[in-house]
Amino acid sequence: MKPDIIFENDEMIICNKKAGVLAQSDRSFDVDMVSALMTYRRRKGEDVYIGVINRLDRPVSGLMVFAKSAEAAAKLNALMQKDTFNKTYMAVVAGCLKEQEGSFTDYLIKNGRENISQIAGKDKPGAKKAVLKYELAGTKNIQLNDGTNRTVSLVKIHLITGRHHQIRVQFASRDLVLAGDVKYAGNHAEQTREIAEKLGIRRNCIALCACALDVDGKHFEAEADFVKQFEYYRP
């Protein structure tokens, strides 16, 4: 796999990861971003160090930042801790938002064994605060195979905290499941899979893209194909 590099300097590489591609290797031995970038650097005769700064789930597309040295990784991770990484996502959810814009605040607890997160009480051991802001960017009616119509919404999301599966959990808990996200769809798994298919989303992938990043004073953008399908889109 040839990585889609949109920026590179002496400290970092920023890539546009495709949905379905692993961020880093796992037991499946499938292609992953870290291995692809190590190969890229090796072919250039460089040190093959690659440090993952921001992670994206396999079904998700968008911008990822990789450090080219341990020193750069420490610097970039420090910037993340200071909230200087402004992260913006675009997503498609099944249903209509009640408001044009707003925010969600919840407490999430991660179940590592099942690789899921759940809404929890504030005082539950291990629960972490999760905050995001959203704006409605467009709507679209999709005709399902049974002849019924389903309204879906294009949402622009500003991630304030970075919790495990945060966007997916917070929207699903409000009956706004992301297109293609069968993990959090409950009884609507088949419908959300069908909506994703109608939007051209690959099987086992999600209509969620990390579309913009501000890193160390620099702004970077990428756009998912599903965004272009909405007539009304406010960037």
Protein backbone atom coordinates (compact mmCIF):
# COMPACT_ATOMS: atom_id res chain seq x y z
CA MET A 1 0.00 0.00 0.00
CA LYS A 2 1.29 3.43 -0.95
CA PRO A 3 0.45 5.88 1.84
CA ASP A 4 -1.49 9.01 0.87
CA ILE A 5 0.90 11.61 2.30
CA ILE A 6 -0.45 15.17 2.37
CA PHE A 7 2.38 16.76 4.37
CA GLU A 8 5.88 15.87 5.48
CA ASN A 9 8.76 17.69 7.16
CA ASP A 10 11.71 16.66 9.34
CA GLU A 11 9.48 15.89 12.33
CA MET A 12 6.23 14.43 11.07
CA ILE A 13 4.22 12.85 8.29
CA ILE A 14 0.49 13.47 7.88
CA CYS A 15 -1.46 10.89 5.90
CA ASN A 16 -5.04 10.48 4.74
CA LYS A 17 -5.92 6.97 5.93
CA LYS A 18 -8.51 5.04 3.96
CA ALA A 19 -11.43 3.42 5.77
CA GLY A 20 -10.74 -0.26 6.38
CA VAL A 21 -6.97 0.18 6.75
CA LEU A 22 -5.37 -0.53 10.12
CA ALA A 23 -3.50 2.28 11.86
CA GLN A 24 -0.88 -0.18 13.07
CA SER A 25 -0.36 -3.92 12.82
CA ASP A 26 -2.43 -6.47 14.71
CA ARG A 27 -2.67 -10.26 14.72
CA SER A 28 -4.40 -10.31 11.33
CA PHE A 29 -1.21 -9.33 9.45
CA ASP A 30 -3.32 -7.05 7.23
CA VAL A 31 -1.72 -3.96 5.70
CA ASP A 32 -1.37 -1.06 8.13
CA MET A 33 -0.26 2.57 8.05
CA VAL A 34 2.82 2.19 10.26
CA SER A 35 4.27 -0.64 8.17
CA ALA A 36 3.55 1.25 4.93
CA LEU A 37 5.31 4.35 6.22
CA MET A 38 8.29 2.35 7.49
CA THR A 39 8.65 0.87 4.01
CA TYR A 40 8.32 4.36 2.49
CA ARG A 41 11.12 5.71 4.71
CA ARG A 42 13.32 2.66 4.18
CA ARG A 43 13.14 3.14 0.41
CA LYS A 44 14.28 6.74 0.91
CA GLY A 45 17.27 5.53 2.93
CA GLU A 46 15.97 7.09 6.13
CA ASP A 47 15.60 5.91 9.71
CA VAL A 48 12.39 3.83 9.71
CA TYR A 49 11.08 5.11 13.05
CA ILE A 50 7.33 5.84 12.92
CA GLY A 51 5.42 7.00 15.99
CA VAL A 52 1.60 7.11 15.98
CA ILE A 53 0.37 10.43 17.41
CA ASN A 54 -3.39 10.25 16.83
CA ARG A 55 -5.18 6.96 16.25
CA LEU A 56 -8.17 6.21 14.07
CA ASP A 57 -10.30 3.07 14.26
CA ARG A 58 -9.96 0.71 11.33
CA PRO A 59 -13.45 1.47 9.88
CA VAL A 60 -12.77 5.25 9.99
CA SER A 61 -11.00 7.37 7.37
CA GLY A 62 -9.08 10.61 7.64
CA LEU A 63 -5.99 12.41 8.79
CA MET A 64 -3.36 10.75 10.95
CA VAL A 65 -0.15 12.26 12.30
CA PHE A 66 3.04 10.22 12.58
CA ALA A 67 6.32 11.27 14.19
CA LYS A 68 9.64 10.60 12.45
CA SER A 69 11.70 10.35 15.66
CA ALA A 70 11.26 9.73 19.36
CA GLU A 71 12.05 13.40 20.02
CA ALA A 72 9.39 14.54 17.57
CA ALA A 73 6.89 12.09 19.09
CA ALA A 74 7.46 13.58 22.54
CA LYS A 75 6.94 17.09 21.18
CA LEU A 76 3.80 16.22 19.27
CA ASN A 77 2.32 14.27 22.19
CA ALA A 78 2.98 17.27 24.43
CA LEU A 79 1.08 19.47 21.97
CA MET A 80 -1.82 17.05 22.10
CA GLN A 81 -1.90 17.28 25.89
CA LYS A 82 -2.16 21.07 25.58
CA ASP A 83 -5.16 20.71 23.26
CA THR A 84 -3.34 22.35 20.36
CA PHE A 85 -4.50 19.53 18.08
CA ASN A 86 -7.90 20.79 16.97
CA LYS A 87 -9.73 17.81 15.46
CA THR A 88 -12.76 18.04 13.18
CA TYR A 89 -14.74 15.10 11.83
CA MET A 90 -17.54 14.64 9.31
CA ALA A 91 -20.07 11.86 9.87
CA VAL A 92 -23.38 10.61 8.54
CA VAL A 93 -25.94 9.57 11.15
CA ALA A 94 -29.32 7.89 10.67
CA GLY A 95 -32.03 10.34 11.70
CA CYS A 96 -32.50 14.07 12.23
CA LEU A 97 -30.75 16.21 14.80
CA LYS A 98 -33.06 18.16 17.07
CA GLU A 99 -30.93 21.29 16.83
CA GLN A 100 -28.79 22.93 14.14
CA GLU A 101 -25.82 22.88 16.50
CA GLY A 102 -25.04 21.85 20.03
CA SER A 103 -22.82 19.73 22.23
CA PHE A 104 -22.83 16.33 23.92
CA THR A 105 -21.30 15.70 27.33
CA ASP A 106 -21.20 12.18 28.76
CA TYR A 107 -19.05 9.89 30.85
CA LEU A 108 -17.72 6.82 29.07
CA ILE A 109 -16.25 3.61 30.35
CA LYS A 110 -14.25 1.29 28.10
CA ASN A 111 -14.72 -2.47 28.00
CA GLY A 112 -11.35 -3.63 26.71
CA ARG A 113 -12.35 -7.28 26.46
CA GLU A 114 -15.20 -6.55 24.03
CA ASN A 115 -13.59 -3.42 22.51
CA ILE A 116 -16.59 -1.21 23.18
CA SER A 117 -17.35 1.86 25.25
CA GLN A 118 -20.55 2.64 27.11
CA ILE A 119 -22.24 5.64 28.69
CA ALA A 120 -21.74 5.48 32.45
CA GLY A 121 -22.49 7.46 35.56
CA LYS A 122 -20.06 10.22 36.48
CA ASP A 123 -18.98 8.41 39.64
CA LYS A 124 -18.54 4.96 38.12
CA PRO A 125 -14.91 3.77 38.52
CA GLY A 126 -13.01 4.23 35.27
CA ALA A 127 -15.55 6.60 33.71
CA LYS A 128 -14.01 9.47 31.73
CA LYS A 129 -15.64 12.71 30.63
CA ALA A 130 -16.38 12.90 26.89
CA VAL A 131 -17.27 16.19 25.20
CA LEU A 132 -17.92 17.10 21.56
CA LYS A 133 -19.60 19.92 19.66
CA TYR A 134 -21.59 19.40 16.47
CA GLU A 135 -23.15 21.31 13.58
CA LEU A 136 -25.72 20.03 11.12
CA ALA A 137 -24.14 20.30 7.67
CA GLY A 138 -26.81 18.67 5.48
CA THR A 139 -29.61 16.12 5.18
CA LYS A 140 -30.55 13.50 2.61
CA ASN A 141 -33.40 11.04 2.11
CA ILE A 142 -32.41 7.47 1.30
CA GLN A 143 -34.84 4.90 -0.04
CA LEU A 144 -34.29 1.55 1.62
CA ASN A 145 -34.81 -1.81 -0.02
CA ASP A 146 -38.21 -2.23 1.65
CA GLY A 147 -39.44 0.96 -0.09
CA THR A 148 -39.39 3.19 2.98
CA ASN A 149 -37.44 6.44 3.15
CA ARG A 150 -34.89 7.21 5.86
CA THR A 151 -33.52 10.68 6.54
CA VAL A 152 -29.81 10.82 7.27
CA SER A 153 -27.82 13.81 8.49
CA LEU A 154 -24.36 15.01 7.61
CA VAL A 155 -22.75 16.29 10.81
CA LYS A 156 -19.61 18.33 11.40
CA ILE A 157 -18.06 17.36 14.73
CA HIS A 158 -15.47 19.20 16.81
CA LEU A 159 -13.91 16.68 19.18
CA ILE A 160 -13.05 18.26 22.52
CA THR A 161 -11.89 15.07 24.24
CA GLY A 162 -10.52 11.94 22.60
CA ARG A 163 -12.13 8.91 24.20
CA HIS A 164 -12.37 5.37 22.85
CA HIS A 165 -15.16 5.23 20.20
CA GLN A 166 -16.37 8.56 21.55
CA ILE A 167 -18.23 9.90 18.51
CA ARG A 168 -19.77 6.53 17.75
CA VAL A 169 -21.03 5.98 21.31
CA GLN A 170 -22.31 9.50 21.97
CA PHE A 171 -24.38 9.67 18.79
CA ALA A 172 -25.65 6.08 19.04
CA SER A 173 -26.82 6.70 22.61
CA ARG A 174 -29.12 9.40 21.19
CA ASP A 175 -30.58 7.13 18.49
CA LEU A 176 -28.31 8.65 15.86
CA VAL A 177 -26.23 5.65 14.81
CA LEU A 178 -23.42 6.35 12.36
CA ALA A 179 -23.99 4.83 8.91
CA GLY A 180 -22.29 1.44 8.78
CA ASP A 181 -21.59 1.24 12.52
CA VAL A 182 -23.10 -2.16 13.33
CA LYS A 183 -21.15 -2.37 16.60
CA TYR A 184 -23.37 0.29 18.19
CA ALA A 185 -26.53 -0.13 16.08
CA GLY A 186 -28.31 -2.61 18.35
CA ASN A 187 -31.43 -3.88 16.57
CA HIS A 188 -30.81 -1.51 13.65
CA ALA A 189 -27.59 -3.16 12.43
CA GLU A 190 -29.03 -4.27 9.10
CA GLN A 191 -30.55 -0.86 8.41
CA THR A 192 -27.35 1.06 9.18
CA ARG A 193 -25.42 -1.38 6.97
CA GLU A 194 -27.89 -0.75 4.15
CA ILE A 195 -27.64 3.04 4.56
CA ALA A 196 -23.86 2.82 4.36
CA GLU A 197 -24.12 0.76 1.18
CA LYS A 198 -26.42 3.38 -0.38
CA LEU A 199 -23.82 6.03 0.45
CA GLY A 200 -21.05 4.02 -1.17
CA ILE A 201 -19.33 3.17 2.12
CA ARG A 202 -17.24 0.00 1.98
CA ARG A 203 -18.54 -2.99 3.92
CA ASN A 204 -17.33 -3.04 7.53
CA CYS A 205 -16.50 0.68 7.31
CA ILE A 206 -18.22 3.71 8.83
CA ALA A 207 -19.31 7.10 7.50
CA LEU A 208 -16.85 8.91 9.73
CA CYS A 209 -13.85 10.91 8.54
CA ALA A 210 -11.21 12.90 10.45
CA CYS A 211 -11.40 15.72 7.93
CA ALA A 212 -9.35 18.51 9.52
CA LEU A 213 -6.45 18.92 11.93
CA ASP A 214 -4.57 21.88 13.35
CA VAL A 215 -1.07 20.78 14.27
CA ASP A 216 1.58 23.13 15.66
CA GLY A 217 -0.02 26.15 14.00
CA LYS A 218 -0.60 24.41 10.64
CA HIS A 219 -4.02 23.50 9.22
CA PHE A 220 -4.65 20.35 7.19
CA GLU A 221 -7.80 19.06 5.49
CA ALA A 222 -9.15 15.98 3.72
CA GLU A 223 -12.62 15.18 2.44
CA ALA A 224 -14.55 11.93 2.39
CA ASP A 225 -16.50 10.93 -0.69
CA PHE A 226 -19.73 10.62 1.29
CA VAL A 227 -19.67 14.36 2.05
CA LYS A 228 -20.05 15.23 -1.65
CA GLN A 229 -23.42 13.45 -1.81
CA PHE A 230 -25.17 16.10 0.29
CA GLU A 231 -26.65 19.08 -1.57
CA TYR A 232 -26.48 21.43 1.38
CA TYR A 233 -23.04 21.45 2.91
CA ARG A 234 -21.64 24.17 5.13
CA PRO A 235 -17.84 23.77 5.47
